[in-house]
Amino acid sequence: MGGGPHDEGGGGGAEEEEDGEEDDSDGAKRRRKQQEQQQHRSWAELQRRREAKWLDMLDHWDAFMMRNYKKVR
């Protein structure tokens, strides 16, 4: 009774999320979000591996230069 702010709307079907995307019944939005998170984790892991490689190279720079001078040049 009365149209207060806590009354539920009577529109069935897809619900609209805060970000403006509609959430469909088969969970496509959820799968898309999981894929984005996986890509972000993969990218972050790649960056960590690259950083570890450079830290190792710098720790052993003299030996690395002796073996891989042409590559570094």
PDB file of N, CA and C in Angstrom:
ATOM      1  N   MET A   1       0.820  -1.162   0.000  1.00  0.00           N
ATOM      2  CA  MET A   1       0.000   0.000   0.000  1.00  0.00           C
ATOM      3  C   MET A   1       0.864   1.226   0.000  1.00  0.00           C
ATOM      4  N   GLY A   2       0.707   2.070  -0.872  1.00  0.00           N
ATOM      5  CA  GLY A   2       1.578   3.231  -0.980  1.00  0.00           C
ATOM      6  C   GLY A   2       2.817   2.855  -1.766  1.00  0.00           C
ATOM      7  N   GLY A   3       3.330   3.735  -2.503  1.00  0.00           N
ATOM      8  CA  GLY A   3       4.490   3.460  -3.360  1.00  0.00           C
ATOM      9  C   GLY A   3       5.796   3.823  -2.692  1.00  0.00           C
ATOM     10  N   GLY A   4       6.116   3.226  -1.562  1.00  0.00           N
ATOM     11  CA  GLY A   4       7.333   3.536  -0.813  1.00  0.00           C
ATOM     12  C   GLY A   4       8.582   3.067  -1.534  1.00  0.00           C
ATOM     13  N   PRO A   5       9.737   3.522  -1.090  1.00  0.00           N
ATOM     14  CA  PRO A   5      10.988   3.182  -1.755  1.00  0.00           C
ATOM     15  C   PRO A   5      11.382   1.719  -1.609  1.00  0.00           C
ATOM     16  N   HIS A   6      10.770   0.983  -0.680  1.00  0.00           N
ATOM     17  CA  HIS A   6      11.132  -0.405  -0.470  1.00  0.00           C
ATOM     18  C   HIS A   6      10.181  -1.375  -1.142  1.00  0.00           C
ATOM     19  N   ASP A   7       9.190  -0.867  -1.867  1.00  0.00           N
ATOM     20  CA  ASP A   7       8.271  -1.745  -2.591  1.00  0.00           C
ATOM     21  C   ASP A   7       8.981  -2.342  -3.784  1.00  0.00           C
ATOM     22  N   GLU A   8       8.672  -3.605  -4.069  1.00  0.00           N
ATOM     23  CA  GLU A   8       9.284  -4.268  -5.214  1.00  0.00           C
ATOM     24  C   GLU A   8       8.524  -3.922  -6.474  1.00  0.00           C
ATOM     25  N   GLY A   9       9.256  -3.758  -7.550  1.00  0.00           N
ATOM     26  CA  GLY A   9       8.631  -3.490  -8.838  1.00  0.00           C
ATOM     27  C   GLY A   9       8.015  -4.759  -9.378  1.00  0.00           C
ATOM     28  N   GLY A  10       7.023  -4.631 -10.211  1.00  0.00           N
ATOM     29  CA  GLY A  10       6.330  -5.797 -10.713  1.00  0.00           C
ATOM     30  C   GLY A  10       6.820  -6.250 -12.070  1.00  0.00           C
ATOM     31  N   GLY A  11       7.991  -5.878 -12.472  1.00  0.00           N
ATOM     32  CA  GLY A  11       8.482  -6.244 -13.797  1.00  0.00           C
ATOM     33  C   GLY A  11       9.242  -7.554 -13.754  1.00  0.00           C
ATOM     34  N   GLY A  12       8.694  -8.615 -14.275  1.00  0.00           N
ATOM     35  CA  GLY A  12       9.382  -9.902 -14.300  1.00  0.00           C
ATOM     36  C   GLY A  12      10.448  -9.911 -15.371  1.00  0.00           C
ATOM     37  N   GLY A  13      11.118 -11.005 -15.557  1.00  0.00           N
ATOM     38  CA  GLY A  13      12.128 -11.108 -16.610  1.00  0.00           C
ATOM     39  C   GLY A  13      13.511 -10.825 -16.086  1.00  0.00           C
ATOM     40  N   ALA A  14      14.360 -10.288 -16.945  1.00  0.00           N
ATOM     41  CA  ALA A  14      15.766 -10.061 -16.598  1.00  0.00           C
ATOM     42  C   ALA A  14      15.887  -8.905 -15.612  1.00  0.00           C
ATOM     43  N   GLU A  15      16.774  -9.052 -14.639  1.00  0.00           N
ATOM     44  CA  GLU A  15      17.029  -7.996 -13.685  1.00  0.00           C
ATOM     45  C   GLU A  15      18.196  -7.156 -14.171  1.00  0.00           C
ATOM     46  N   GLU A  16      18.105  -5.854 -13.949  1.00  0.00           N
ATOM     47  CA  GLU A  16      19.195  -4.985 -14.362  1.00  0.00           C
ATOM     48  C   GLU A  16      20.097  -4.735 -13.163  1.00  0.00           C
ATOM     49  N   GLU A  17      21.380  -4.929 -13.348  1.00  0.00           N
ATOM     50  CA  GLU A  17      22.369  -4.762 -12.282  1.00  0.00           C
ATOM     51  C   GLU A  17      22.770  -3.298 -12.184  1.00  0.00           C
ATOM     52  N   GLU A  18      23.538  -2.955 -11.136  1.00  0.00           N
ATOM     53  CA  GLU A  18      23.996  -1.581 -10.937  1.00  0.00           C
ATOM     54  C   GLU A  18      24.850  -1.092 -12.088  1.00  0.00           C
ATOM     55  N   ASP A  19      25.628  -1.981 -12.716  1.00  0.00           N
ATOM     56  CA  ASP A  19      26.517  -1.566 -13.797  1.00  0.00           C
ATOM     57  C   ASP A  19      25.789  -1.421 -15.130  1.00  0.00           C
ATOM     58  N   GLY A  20      24.465  -1.619 -15.128  1.00  0.00           N
ATOM     59  CA  GLY A  20      23.691  -1.407 -16.332  1.00  0.00           C
ATOM     60  C   GLY A  20      23.542  -2.633 -17.209  1.00  0.00           C
ATOM     61  N   GLU A  21      24.198  -3.735 -16.870  1.00  0.00           N
ATOM     62  CA  GLU A  21      24.092  -4.942 -17.677  1.00  0.00           C
ATOM     63  C   GLU A  21      22.952  -5.805 -17.143  1.00  0.00           C
ATOM     64  N   GLU A  22      22.291  -6.480 -18.018  1.00  0.00           N
ATOM     65  CA  GLU A  22      21.227  -7.373 -17.598  1.00  0.00           C
ATOM     66  C   GLU A  22      21.797  -8.753 -17.318  1.00  0.00           C
ATOM     67  N   ASP A  23      21.313  -9.385 -16.248  1.00  0.00           N
ATOM     68  CA  ASP A  23      21.749 -10.732 -15.881  1.00  0.00           C
ATOM     69  C   ASP A  23      20.737 -11.710 -16.453  1.00  0.00           C
ATOM     70  N   ASP A  24      21.164 -12.531 -17.388  1.00  0.00           N
ATOM     71  CA  ASP A  24      20.235 -13.473 -17.989  1.00  0.00           C
ATOM     72  C   ASP A  24      20.207 -14.767 -17.185  1.00  0.00           C
ATOM     73  N   SER A  25      19.248 -15.604 -17.498  1.00  0.00           N
ATOM     74  CA  SER A  25      19.008 -16.800 -16.689  1.00  0.00           C
ATOM     75  C   SER A  25      20.111 -17.844 -16.805  1.00  0.00           C
ATOM     76  N   ASP A  26      20.885 -17.855 -17.876  1.00  0.00           N
ATOM     77  CA  ASP A  26      21.905 -18.898 -18.022  1.00  0.00           C
ATOM     78  C   ASP A  26      23.261 -18.485 -17.433  1.00  0.00           C
ATOM     79  N   GLY A  27      23.358 -17.314 -16.836  1.00  0.00           N
ATOM     80  CA  GLY A  27      24.568 -16.909 -16.139  1.00  0.00           C
ATOM     81  C   GLY A  27      25.685 -16.420 -17.043  1.00  0.00           C
ATOM     82  N   ALA A  28      25.362 -15.871 -18.193  1.00  0.00           N
ATOM     83  CA  ALA A  28      26.393 -15.396 -19.123  1.00  0.00           C
ATOM     84  C   ALA A  28      27.224 -14.288 -18.497  1.00  0.00           C
ATOM     85  N   LYS A  29      26.582 -13.425 -17.739  1.00  0.00           N
ATOM     86  CA  LYS A  29      27.311 -12.333 -17.094  1.00  0.00           C
ATOM     87  C   LYS A  29      28.304 -12.896 -16.079  1.00  0.00           C
ATOM     88  N   ARG A  30      27.887 -13.896 -15.325  1.00  0.00           N
ATOM     89  CA  ARG A  30      28.766 -14.513 -14.328  1.00  0.00           C
ATOM     90  C   ARG A  30      29.961 -15.172 -15.014  1.00  0.00           C
ATOM     91  N   ARG A  31      29.714 -15.875 -16.119  1.00  0.00           N
ATOM     92  CA  ARG A  31      30.816 -16.515 -16.853  1.00  0.00           C
ATOM     93  C   ARG A  31      31.778 -15.470 -17.417  1.00  0.00           C
ATOM     94  N   ARG A  32      31.230 -14.370 -17.945  1.00  0.00           N
ATOM     95  CA  ARG A  32      32.060 -13.301 -18.484  1.00  0.00           C
ATOM     96  C   ARG A  32      32.948 -12.713 -17.384  1.00  0.00           C
ATOM     97  N   LYS A  33      32.382 -12.493 -16.217  1.00  0.00           N
ATOM     98  CA  LYS A  33      33.148 -11.941 -15.104  1.00  0.00           C
ATOM     99  C   LYS A  33      34.241 -12.914 -14.671  1.00  0.00           C
ATOM    100  N   GLN A  34      33.936 -14.213 -14.626  1.00  0.00           N
ATOM    101  CA  GLN A  34      34.934 -15.217 -14.265  1.00  0.00           C
ATOM    102  C   GLN A  34      36.068 -15.248 -15.286  1.00  0.00           C
ATOM    103  N   GLN A  35      35.737 -15.129 -16.567  1.00  0.00           N
ATOM    104  CA  GLN A  35      36.763 -15.108 -17.614  1.00  0.00           C
ATOM    105  C   GLN A  35      37.667 -13.883 -17.470  1.00  0.00           C
ATOM    106  N   GLU A  36      37.064 -12.735 -17.172  1.00  0.00           N
ATOM    107  CA  GLU A  36      37.858 -11.519 -16.981  1.00  0.00           C
ATOM    108  C   GLU A  36      38.789 -11.665 -15.788  1.00  0.00           C
ATOM    109  N   GLN A  37      38.292 -12.263 -14.710  1.00  0.00           N
ATOM    110  CA  GLN A  37      39.130 -12.476 -13.527  1.00  0.00           C
ATOM    111  C   GLN A  37      40.271 -13.432 -13.844  1.00  0.00           C
ATOM    112  N   GLN A  38      39.989 -14.491 -14.612  1.00  0.00           N
ATOM    113  CA  GLN A  38      41.025 -15.452 -14.992  1.00  0.00           C
ATOM    114  C   GLN A  38      42.086 -14.784 -15.856  1.00  0.00           C
ATOM    115  N   GLN A  39      41.650 -13.945 -16.792  1.00  0.00           N
ATOM    116  CA  GLN A  39      42.606 -13.236 -17.636  1.00  0.00           C
ATOM    117  C   GLN A  39      43.471 -12.309 -16.800  1.00  0.00           C
ATOM    118  N   HIS A  40      42.865 -11.655 -15.825  1.00  0.00           N
ATOM    119  CA  HIS A  40      43.624 -10.761 -14.953  1.00  0.00           C
ATOM    120  C   HIS A  40      44.646 -11.548 -14.144  1.00  0.00           C
ATOM    121  N   ARG A  41      44.234 -12.713 -13.613  1.00  0.00           N
ATOM    122  CA  ARG A  41      45.168 -13.548 -12.852  1.00  0.00           C
ATOM    123  C   ARG A  41      46.291 -14.039 -13.746  1.00  0.00           C
ATOM    124  N   SER A  42      45.974 -14.429 -14.980  1.00  0.00           N
ATOM    125  CA  SER A  42      46.992 -14.902 -15.917  1.00  0.00           C
ATOM    126  C   SER A  42      47.983 -13.789 -16.225  1.00  0.00           C
ATOM    127  N   TRP A  43      47.478 -12.580 -16.455  1.00  0.00           N
ATOM    128  CA  TRP A  43      48.342 -11.448 -16.742  1.00  0.00           C
ATOM    129  C   TRP A  43      49.235 -11.143 -15.551  1.00  0.00           C
ATOM    130  N   ALA A  44      48.669 -11.164 -14.356  1.00  0.00           N
ATOM    131  CA  ALA A  44      49.447 -10.880 -13.147  1.00  0.00           C
ATOM    132  C   ALA A  44      50.519 -11.944 -12.934  1.00  0.00           C
ATOM    133  N   GLU A  45      50.175 -13.205 -13.171  1.00  0.00           N
ATOM    134  CA  GLU A  45      51.154 -14.287 -13.023  1.00  0.00           C
ATOM    135  C   GLU A  45      52.283 -14.136 -14.043  1.00  0.00           C
ATOM    136  N   LEU A  46      51.953 -13.758 -15.261  1.00  0.00           N
ATOM    137  CA  LEU A  46      52.968 -13.528 -16.292  1.00  0.00           C
ATOM    138  C   LEU A  46      53.918 -12.408 -15.865  1.00  0.00           C
ATOM    139  N   GLN A  47      53.374 -11.329 -15.330  1.00  0.00           N
ATOM    140  CA  GLN A  47      54.208 -10.224 -14.864  1.00  0.00           C
ATOM    141  C   GLN A  47      55.124 -10.676 -13.724  1.00  0.00           C
ATOM    142  N   ARG A  48      54.602 -11.501 -12.798  1.00  0.00           N
ATOM    143  CA  ARG A  48      55.428 -11.999 -11.695  1.00  0.00           C
ATOM    144  C   ARG A  48      56.572 -12.868 -12.212  1.00  0.00           C
ATOM    145  N   ARG A  49      56.277 -13.730 -13.202  1.00  0.00           N
ATOM    146  CA  ARG A  49      57.335 -14.580 -13.766  1.00  0.00           C
ATOM    147  C   ARG A  49      58.408 -13.742 -14.445  1.00  0.00           C
ATOM    148  N   ARG A  50      57.990 -12.727 -15.211  1.00  0.00           N
ATOM    149  CA  ARG A  50      58.956 -11.858 -15.888  1.00  0.00           C
ATOM    150  C   ARG A  50      59.815 -11.109 -14.879  1.00  0.00           C
ATOM    151  N   GLU A  51      59.183 -10.605 -13.824  1.00  0.00           N
ATOM    152  CA  GLU A  51      59.935  -9.889 -12.805  1.00  0.00           C
ATOM    153  C   GLU A  51      60.932 -10.811 -12.120  1.00  0.00           C
ATOM    154  N   ALA A  52      60.513 -12.037 -11.807  1.00  0.00           N
ATOM    155  CA  ALA A  52      61.418 -12.995 -11.170  1.00  0.00           C
ATOM    156  C   ALA A  52      62.606 -13.305 -12.077  1.00  0.00           C
ATOM    157  N   LYS A  53      62.353 -13.421 -13.383  1.00  0.00           N
ATOM    158  CA  LYS A  53      63.431 -13.688 -14.339  1.00  0.00           C
ATOM    159  C   LYS A  53      64.448 -12.550 -14.322  1.00  0.00           C
ATOM    160  N   TRP A  54      63.964 -11.310 -14.349  1.00  0.00           N
ATOM    161  CA  TRP A  54      64.870 -10.168 -14.344  1.00  0.00           C
ATOM    162  C   TRP A  54      65.636 -10.071 -13.031  1.00  0.00           C
ATOM    163  N   LEU A  55      64.974 -10.331 -11.925  1.00  0.00           N
ATOM    164  CA  LEU A  55      65.672 -10.295 -10.631  1.00  0.00           C
ATOM    165  C   LEU A  55      66.777 -11.345 -10.589  1.00  0.00           C
ATOM    166  N   ASP A  56      66.491 -12.526 -11.127  1.00  0.00           N
ATOM    167  CA  ASP A  56      67.504 -13.584 -11.182  1.00  0.00           C
ATOM    168  C   ASP A  56      68.661 -13.170 -12.092  1.00  0.00           C
ATOM    169  N   MET A  57      68.342 -12.582 -13.253  1.00  0.00           N
ATOM    170  CA  MET A  57      69.397 -12.132 -14.163  1.00  0.00           C
ATOM    171  C   MET A  57      70.275 -11.064 -13.511  1.00  0.00           C
ATOM    172  N   LEU A  58      69.654 -10.132 -12.803  1.00  0.00           N
ATOM    173  CA  LEU A  58      70.427  -9.070 -12.161  1.00  0.00           C
ATOM    174  C   LEU A  58      71.285  -9.600 -11.019  1.00  0.00           C
ATOM    175  N   ASP A  59      70.764 -10.585 -10.297  1.00  0.00           N
ATOM    176  CA  ASP A  59      71.544 -11.195  -9.212  1.00  0.00           C
ATOM    177  C   ASP A  59      72.788 -11.895  -9.745  1.00  0.00           C
ATOM    178  N   HIS A  60      72.701 -12.428 -10.961  1.00  0.00           N
ATOM    179  CA  HIS A  60      73.815 -13.177 -11.560  1.00  0.00           C
ATOM    180  C   HIS A  60      74.264 -12.512 -12.865  1.00  0.00           C
ATOM    181  N   TRP A  61      74.341 -11.188 -12.857  1.00  0.00           N
ATOM    182  CA  TRP A  61      74.575 -10.440 -14.084  1.00  0.00           C
ATOM    183  C   TRP A  61      75.896 -10.798 -14.764  1.00  0.00           C
ATOM    184  N   ASP A  62      76.971 -10.908 -14.000  1.00  0.00           N
ATOM    185  CA  ASP A  62      78.271 -11.214 -14.614  1.00  0.00           C
ATOM    186  C   ASP A  62      78.238 -12.551 -15.349  1.00  0.00           C
ATOM    187  N   ALA A  63      77.710 -13.570 -14.695  1.00  0.00           N
ATOM    188  CA  ALA A  63      77.632 -14.885 -15.323  1.00  0.00           C
ATOM    189  C   ALA A  63      76.688 -14.856 -16.523  1.00  0.00           C
ATOM    190  N   PHE A  64      75.599 -14.132 -16.398  1.00  0.00           N
ATOM    191  CA  PHE A  64      74.637 -14.035 -17.498  1.00  0.00           C
ATOM    192  C   PHE A  64      75.269 -13.371 -18.710  1.00  0.00           C
ATOM    193  N   MET A  65      76.030 -12.309 -18.479  1.00  0.00           N
ATOM    194  CA  MET A  65      76.679 -11.603 -19.587  1.00  0.00           C
ATOM    195  C   MET A  65      77.741 -12.475 -20.258  1.00  0.00           C
ATOM    196  N   MET A  66      78.425 -13.285 -19.486  1.00  0.00           N
ATOM    197  CA  MET A  66      79.441 -14.168 -20.065  1.00  0.00           C
ATOM    198  C   MET A  66      78.789 -15.192 -21.001  1.00  0.00           C
ATOM    199  N   ARG A  67      77.615 -15.695 -20.635  1.00  0.00           N
ATOM    200  CA  ARG A  67      76.937 -16.716 -21.447  1.00  0.00           C
ATOM    201  C   ARG A  67      76.106 -16.114 -22.571  1.00  0.00           C
ATOM    202  N   ASN A  68      75.476 -14.965 -22.337  1.00  0.00           N
ATOM    203  CA  ASN A  68      74.483 -14.441 -23.267  1.00  0.00           C
ATOM    204  C   ASN A  68      74.787 -13.019 -23.756  1.00  0.00           C
ATOM    205  N   TYR A  69      76.048 -12.728 -23.979  1.00  0.00           N
ATOM    206  CA  TYR A  69      76.419 -11.367 -24.371  1.00  0.00           C
ATOM    207  C   TYR A  69      75.686 -10.921 -25.646  1.00  0.00           C
ATOM    208  N   LYS A  70      75.663 -11.753 -26.659  1.00  0.00           N
ATOM    209  CA  LYS A  70      75.032 -11.377 -27.927  1.00  0.00           C
ATOM    210  C   LYS A  70      73.537 -11.132 -27.758  1.00  0.00           C
ATOM    211  N   LYS A  71      72.910 -11.910 -26.917  1.00  0.00           N
ATOM    212  CA  LYS A  71      71.480 -11.753 -26.679  1.00  0.00           C
ATOM    213  C   LYS A  71      71.175 -10.425 -25.973  1.00  0.00           C
ATOM    214  N   VAL A  72      72.015 -10.063 -25.027  1.00  0.00           N
ATOM    215  CA  VAL A  72      71.825  -8.830 -24.277  1.00  0.00           C
ATOM    216  C   VAL A  72      72.193  -7.609 -25.107  1.00  0.00           C
ATOM    217  N   ARG A  73      73.220  -7.765 -25.911  1.00  0.00           N
ATOM    218  CA  ARG A  73      73.721  -6.671 -26.729  1.00  0.00           C
ATOM    219  C   ARG A  73      72.618  -6.130 -27.563  1.00  0.00           C
TER     220      ARG A  73
END
